[in-house]
Protein backbone atom coordinates (compact mmCIF):
# COMPACT_ATOMS: atom_id res chain seq x y z
CA MET A 1 66.11 105.34 104.18
CA LEU A 2 67.68 102.00 103.29
CA SER A 3 66.92 100.60 99.85
CA LYS A 4 65.16 97.27 99.58
CA PHE A 5 67.47 96.36 96.70
CA LEU A 6 70.71 94.47 97.20
CA ASP A 7 74.01 95.30 95.50
CA PRO A 8 74.36 93.63 92.06
CA LYS A 9 78.15 93.89 92.33
CA ASN A 10 78.06 91.30 95.10
CA ASP A 11 79.13 87.98 93.57
CA VAL A 12 76.10 86.10 94.92
CA ALA A 13 73.66 88.72 93.63
CA PHE A 14 75.42 88.99 90.28
CA LYS A 15 75.19 85.25 89.65
CA LYS A 16 71.56 85.15 90.79
CA ILE A 17 70.65 87.78 88.20
CA PHE A 18 72.84 86.78 85.28
CA GLY A 19 73.71 83.16 85.96
CA SER A 20 70.39 81.45 86.70
CA GLU A 21 67.85 79.74 84.47
CA LYS A 22 65.07 81.73 86.10
CA ASN A 23 66.57 85.03 84.94
CA LYS A 24 67.96 83.90 81.59
CA ASP A 25 65.87 86.52 79.78
CA ILE A 26 67.67 89.24 81.77
CA LEU A 27 71.05 87.86 80.69
CA ILE A 28 70.02 87.72 77.01
CA HIS A 29 68.71 91.28 77.09
CA PHE A 30 71.86 92.47 78.87
CA LEU A 31 74.16 90.85 76.29
CA ASN A 32 72.23 92.34 73.36
CA ASP A 33 72.23 95.79 74.99
CA ILE A 34 75.92 95.85 75.93
CA LEU A 35 77.14 94.39 72.64
CA GLY A 36 74.72 96.41 70.51
CA PHE A 37 73.24 93.33 68.83
CA THR A 38 70.08 94.10 66.84
CA GLY A 39 68.09 92.43 64.07
CA SER A 40 69.65 89.21 62.83
CA GLN A 41 72.54 89.65 65.28
CA GLU A 42 70.29 89.47 68.34
CA ILE A 43 70.85 86.59 70.74
CA GLN A 44 67.61 84.66 71.09
CA SER A 45 68.64 81.94 73.53
CA VAL A 46 71.63 80.89 75.63
CA GLU A 47 72.78 77.75 77.36
CA PHE A 48 74.71 77.95 80.61
CA LEU A 49 78.06 76.14 80.70
CA SER A 50 80.20 75.07 83.62
CA THR A 51 82.24 77.95 84.99
CA ILE A 52 84.91 75.50 86.15
CA GLN A 53 87.38 75.58 83.27
CA ASP A 54 90.48 74.24 84.96
CA PRO A 55 90.68 70.52 85.88
CA ASP A 56 93.20 71.35 88.61
CA ILE A 57 90.55 73.16 90.64
CA ALA A 58 87.52 71.14 89.57
CA ASP A 59 87.71 68.99 92.70
CA LYS A 60 87.51 72.13 94.82
CA LYS A 61 84.35 73.19 92.95
CA GLN A 62 85.75 76.68 92.42
CA SER A 63 84.70 78.66 89.38
CA LEU A 64 87.16 80.70 87.36
CA VAL A 65 84.52 82.94 85.81
CA ASP A 66 81.20 84.30 87.04
CA VAL A 67 79.02 83.39 84.06
CA LEU A 68 79.83 81.32 80.99
CA CYS A 69 77.20 80.61 78.35
CA GLN A 70 76.80 80.02 74.62
CA ASP A 71 74.13 81.03 72.14
CA ALA A 72 72.40 78.92 69.48
CA GLU A 73 75.33 79.49 67.08
CA GLY A 74 77.85 78.21 69.60
CA VAL A 75 79.37 81.63 70.33
CA LYS A 76 80.54 81.68 73.93
CA TYR A 77 80.12 84.60 76.33
CA ILE A 78 82.13 85.13 79.51
CA ILE A 79 80.67 87.71 81.90
CA GLU A 80 82.76 88.86 84.84
CA MET A 81 82.05 91.21 87.75
CA GLN A 82 85.33 92.73 88.97
CA VAL A 83 84.97 94.54 92.29
CA ALA A 84 88.57 95.60 92.93
CA LYS A 85 91.57 96.30 90.75
CA THR A 86 93.87 93.28 90.65
CA LYS A 87 97.24 93.12 89.00
CA GLY A 88 97.06 91.51 85.57
CA PHE A 89 93.27 91.47 85.22
CA GLU A 90 93.57 92.26 81.50
CA LYS A 91 95.82 89.24 81.04
CA ARG A 92 93.44 87.13 83.10
CA ALA A 93 90.61 88.14 80.76
CA GLN A 94 92.64 86.94 77.78
CA TYR A 95 93.52 83.72 79.59
CA TYR A 96 89.86 82.97 80.31
CA ALA A 97 88.95 83.64 76.68
CA ALA A 98 91.80 81.47 75.40
CA LYS A 99 90.84 78.70 77.81
CA ALA A 100 87.23 78.68 76.61
CA TYR A 101 88.41 78.77 72.99
CA SER A 102 90.91 75.92 73.31
CA GLN A 103 88.44 73.69 75.12
CA GLN A 104 86.40 73.50 71.94
CA ALA A 105 89.29 71.68 70.26
CA ASP A 106 89.62 69.38 73.27
CA LYS A 107 86.10 68.17 72.54
CA GLY A 108 86.95 67.15 68.99
CA GLU A 109 85.98 70.33 67.12
CA LYS A 110 87.93 71.02 63.92
CA TYR A 111 89.93 74.23 63.93
CA TYR A 112 87.70 75.77 61.27
CA ASP A 113 84.65 75.04 63.43
CA LEU A 114 85.91 76.92 66.49
CA LYS A 115 83.42 79.54 67.61
CA GLU A 116 83.88 83.12 68.74
CA ILE A 117 84.61 84.05 72.36
CA ILE A 118 83.20 87.30 73.73
CA PHE A 119 84.45 88.50 77.12
CA ILE A 120 82.50 91.14 79.06
CA ALA A 121 83.72 92.67 82.33
CA ILE A 122 81.87 95.09 84.57
CA ALA A 123 84.53 96.63 86.80
CA ASP A 124 83.96 98.66 89.94
CA CYS A 125 87.47 100.04 89.46
CA VAL A 126 89.51 101.80 86.81
CA LEU A 127 91.26 99.34 84.50
CA PHE A 128 92.57 101.73 81.85
CA PRO A 129 93.57 105.07 83.44
CA ASN A 130 94.39 106.66 80.09
CA LYS A 131 90.95 105.97 78.59
CA ALA A 132 88.27 108.58 79.23
CA GLY A 133 85.21 106.52 78.24
CA TYR A 134 83.55 104.14 80.68
CA LYS A 135 82.96 101.51 77.95
CA SER A 136 85.69 100.16 75.69
CA ASP A 137 85.60 97.42 73.05
CA HIS A 138 88.76 95.56 72.04
CA ILE A 139 89.24 93.45 68.93
CA ILE A 140 92.19 92.17 66.87
CA LEU A 141 93.02 94.38 63.88
CA ASP A 142 95.71 94.38 61.21
CA ARG A 143 98.28 96.94 62.37
CA GLU A 144 98.58 98.63 58.96
CA SER A 145 95.24 98.15 57.19
CA TYR A 146 93.05 97.87 60.32
CA GLU A 147 91.26 94.95 58.70
CA HIS A 148 89.41 92.69 61.10
CA ASN A 149 90.53 89.26 59.87
CA LEU A 150 90.96 87.54 63.25
CA LYS A 151 87.39 87.70 64.52
CA ASP A 152 87.19 85.05 67.21
CA PHE A 153 88.10 87.19 70.21
CA SER A 154 86.55 90.40 71.49
CA PHE A 155 86.62 92.07 74.89
CA THR A 156 84.25 94.65 76.31
CA PHE A 157 85.05 96.46 79.55
CA ILE A 158 82.76 98.74 81.52
CA GLU A 159 84.54 100.81 84.18
CA LEU A 160 81.87 102.00 86.60
CA PRO A 161 83.94 104.78 88.28
CA LYS A 162 84.06 106.55 84.90
CA PHE A 163 80.28 106.51 84.59
CA THR A 164 79.36 109.90 86.04
CA LYS A 165 75.58 110.18 85.63
CA GLU A 166 73.98 110.12 89.08
CA GLU A 167 70.37 111.13 88.37
CA PRO A 168 67.84 108.75 86.74
CA SER A 169 66.55 111.63 84.62
CA GLU A 170 69.96 111.80 82.90
CA LEU A 171 69.81 108.24 81.56
CA LYS A 172 69.26 108.11 77.81
CA THR A 173 70.34 104.66 76.62
CA LEU A 174 69.97 101.09 77.84
CA ILE A 175 73.73 100.87 78.39
CA GLU A 176 73.51 103.89 80.69
CA LYS A 177 70.63 102.26 82.55
CA TRP A 178 72.67 99.08 83.05
CA CYS A 179 75.63 101.12 84.32
CA TYR A 180 73.35 102.99 86.71
CA PHE A 181 71.88 99.66 87.81
CA PHE A 182 75.30 98.22 88.68
CA LYS A 183 76.52 101.38 90.36
CA TYR A 184 73.44 102.57 92.24
CA ALA A 185 70.84 99.76 92.44
CA HIS A 186 71.37 99.29 96.18
CA GLU A 187 70.72 103.02 96.70
CA THR A 188 67.72 103.34 94.34
CA THR A 189 64.55 104.72 95.91
CA ALA A 190 60.99 104.03 94.78
CA ASN A 191 60.79 107.43 93.08
CA ASP A 192 64.10 106.88 91.30
CA LEU A 193 63.02 103.44 90.16
CA VAL A 194 60.11 104.76 88.08
CA GLN A 195 62.48 106.98 86.09
CA VAL A 196 65.16 104.32 85.74
CA ILE A 197 62.78 101.66 84.43
CA GLY A 198 60.72 103.82 82.10
CA SER A 199 59.30 101.38 79.58
CA ASP A 200 62.13 98.85 79.89
CA HIS A 201 60.58 95.66 81.23
CA ILE A 202 63.90 93.84 81.60
CA ILE A 203 65.45 96.59 83.73
CA LYS A 204 62.42 96.21 85.99
CA ARG A 205 63.00 92.44 86.12
CA ALA A 206 66.64 93.02 87.07
CA TYR A 207 65.59 95.23 89.99
CA GLU A 208 62.98 92.69 91.07
CA ALA A 209 65.71 90.04 91.16
CA LEU A 210 67.57 92.28 93.63
CA ASP A 211 64.58 92.83 95.90
CA GLN A 212 65.64 91.14 99.12
CA PHE A 213 61.99 90.47 99.98
CA TYR A 214 62.08 87.64 97.44
CA TRP A 215 65.35 86.16 98.68
CA SER A 216 65.40 83.12 100.94
CA GLU A 217 67.18 83.18 104.28
CA ASN A 218 69.89 80.93 102.87
CA GLU A 219 70.43 83.23 99.87
CA LEU A 220 70.64 86.28 102.12
CA ALA A 221 73.12 84.48 104.35
CA LEU A 222 75.32 83.70 101.33
CA TYR A 223 75.02 87.32 100.20
CA GLU A 224 76.12 88.59 103.63
CA ARG A 225 78.96 86.08 103.74
CA GLU A 226 80.22 87.39 100.40
CA ARG A 227 79.94 90.98 101.66
CA LYS A 228 82.00 90.05 104.69
CA ARG A 229 84.61 88.30 102.55
CA VAL A 230 85.03 91.39 100.36
CA ARG A 231 85.22 93.68 103.41
CA ASP A 232 87.77 91.41 105.08
CA GLU A 233 89.93 91.32 101.96
CA ALA A 234 89.75 95.11 101.70
CA ALA A 235 90.71 95.44 105.38
CA VAL A 236 93.69 93.11 104.92
CA LEU A 237 94.82 95.11 101.90
CA GLU A 238 94.47 98.40 103.77
CA GLN A 239 96.50 97.00 106.67
CA LYS A 240 99.24 95.87 104.28
CA ILE A 241 99.33 99.35 102.77
CA ASP A 242 99.47 100.94 106.24
CA ASP A 243 102.24 98.54 107.30
CA ALA A 244 104.23 99.24 104.14
CA THR A 245 103.75 102.99 104.60
CA GLU A 246 104.86 102.85 108.25
CA LYS A 247 107.85 100.71 107.30
CA GLY A 248 108.82 103.22 104.63
CA LEU A 249 108.46 106.13 107.08
CA GLN A 250 110.48 104.31 109.74
CA GLN A 251 113.17 103.47 107.24
CA GLY A 252 113.19 107.09 106.13
CA ARG A 253 113.50 108.28 109.74
CA GLU A 254 116.34 105.86 110.41
CA GLU A 255 118.14 106.83 107.24
CA GLY A 256 117.62 110.51 108.07
CA LEU A 257 119.00 110.01 111.58
CA GLN A 258 121.98 108.10 110.24
CA GLN A 259 122.58 110.77 107.65
CA GLY A 260 122.31 113.48 110.32
CA LEU A 261 124.82 111.71 112.58
CA GLN A 262 127.17 111.25 109.64
CA GLN A 263 126.92 114.93 108.73
CA GLY A 264 127.45 115.90 112.39
CA LEU A 265 130.58 113.77 112.62
CA GLN A 266 131.91 115.19 109.39
CA GLN A 267 131.27 118.73 110.57
CA GLY A 268 132.94 117.99 113.91
CA ARG A 269 136.03 116.55 112.23
CA HIS A 270 136.18 119.54 109.89
CA LYS A 271 136.05 122.03 112.77
CA GLU A 272 138.77 120.07 114.61
CA ALA A 273 140.96 120.05 111.48
CA LEU A 274 140.47 123.80 111.09
CA ALA A 275 141.53 124.38 114.69
CA ILE A 276 144.68 122.29 114.18
CA ALA A 277 145.48 124.10 110.94
CA LYS A 278 145.01 127.48 112.60
CA SER A 279 147.45 126.48 115.32
CA MET A 280 149.98 125.25 112.76
CA LEU A 281 149.68 128.45 110.76
CA ALA A 282 150.43 130.40 113.92
CA ARG A 283 153.61 128.34 114.23
CA HIS A 284 154.50 129.16 110.59
CA PHE A 285 154.04 125.69 109.12
CA ASP A 286 153.83 125.76 105.32
CA HIS A 287 150.48 125.09 103.57
CA GLN A 288 151.56 121.80 102.00
CA THR A 289 152.50 120.30 105.36
CA ILE A 290 149.25 121.48 106.95
CA LYS A 291 147.19 120.00 104.07
CA GLU A 292 148.94 116.64 104.40
CA ILE A 293 148.27 116.45 108.15
CA THR A 294 144.72 117.83 108.27
CA THR A 295 143.47 116.80 104.76
CA LEU A 296 142.00 120.31 104.42
CA SER A 297 141.71 122.00 101.04
CA ASP A 298 143.44 125.10 99.75
CA GLN A 299 140.11 126.95 100.11
CA ASP A 300 139.92 125.96 103.79
CA LEU A 301 143.41 127.30 104.41
CA LEU A 302 142.71 130.52 102.49
CA SER A 303 139.65 131.09 104.73
CA LEU A 304 141.91 130.84 107.76
CA ASP A 305 144.38 133.29 106.26
CA GLU A 306 141.52 135.80 105.86
């Protein structure tokens, strides 16, 4: 049976849940859960900022990041949904963070007033193959003392393929529930939903935001268009891989054929030289003369003598 919930990894769905005023409470709860903020650290409110950070693409109205917001203290949060592994994504994350950080100075802020940048990525791919955990937090530490003096940048990555819990009954923490939500929301049944939500009102709100019954025709059309775009990109990539593989196989076949012909020619010449040498030996030519004419080795001539 098809689930009534859409896929939160879809860019349109992701922004509807985490990038809209209507669902701002979901975003705040998500940030506090993922970053482990409690007590005085808890984010109480956020303000959405323009996701267009580069003037060169501003005219095209293209966003560089999925969600960009700041809390009451001015700390900025970048939240990205990464569907497929792309070369240099880790560097791109640092670029986005640096861009958001430097723009504060562009607006007249003094250096000592610059606020922290927190980057969060939910990736439906493996970013760090050598890391076992599905969640990793990265900060700048002193190499020798491990002191955390440079505190304005931090990066949190969640790699969904490494999250292995498949049953709602296995979920113990809010972070696990969020990971399950991103990975399996579009497959969640009514029975599963009761266990996933438990007493967590915000998780319930997140699922409600994915219920396609409450989506307009225009929103669903945008969602389907994004699905098609992702499928088309995946198909193009698969075709490129197939083409490259076939090209490599063809090149290997051609090189193998060429190598086989070369070996055949060499073997033919060698047999012909042996026949000539055998005839010369029968006529009592000395070995040195035979070697000079046929380019055979002493070992070749000894084999003929045997």
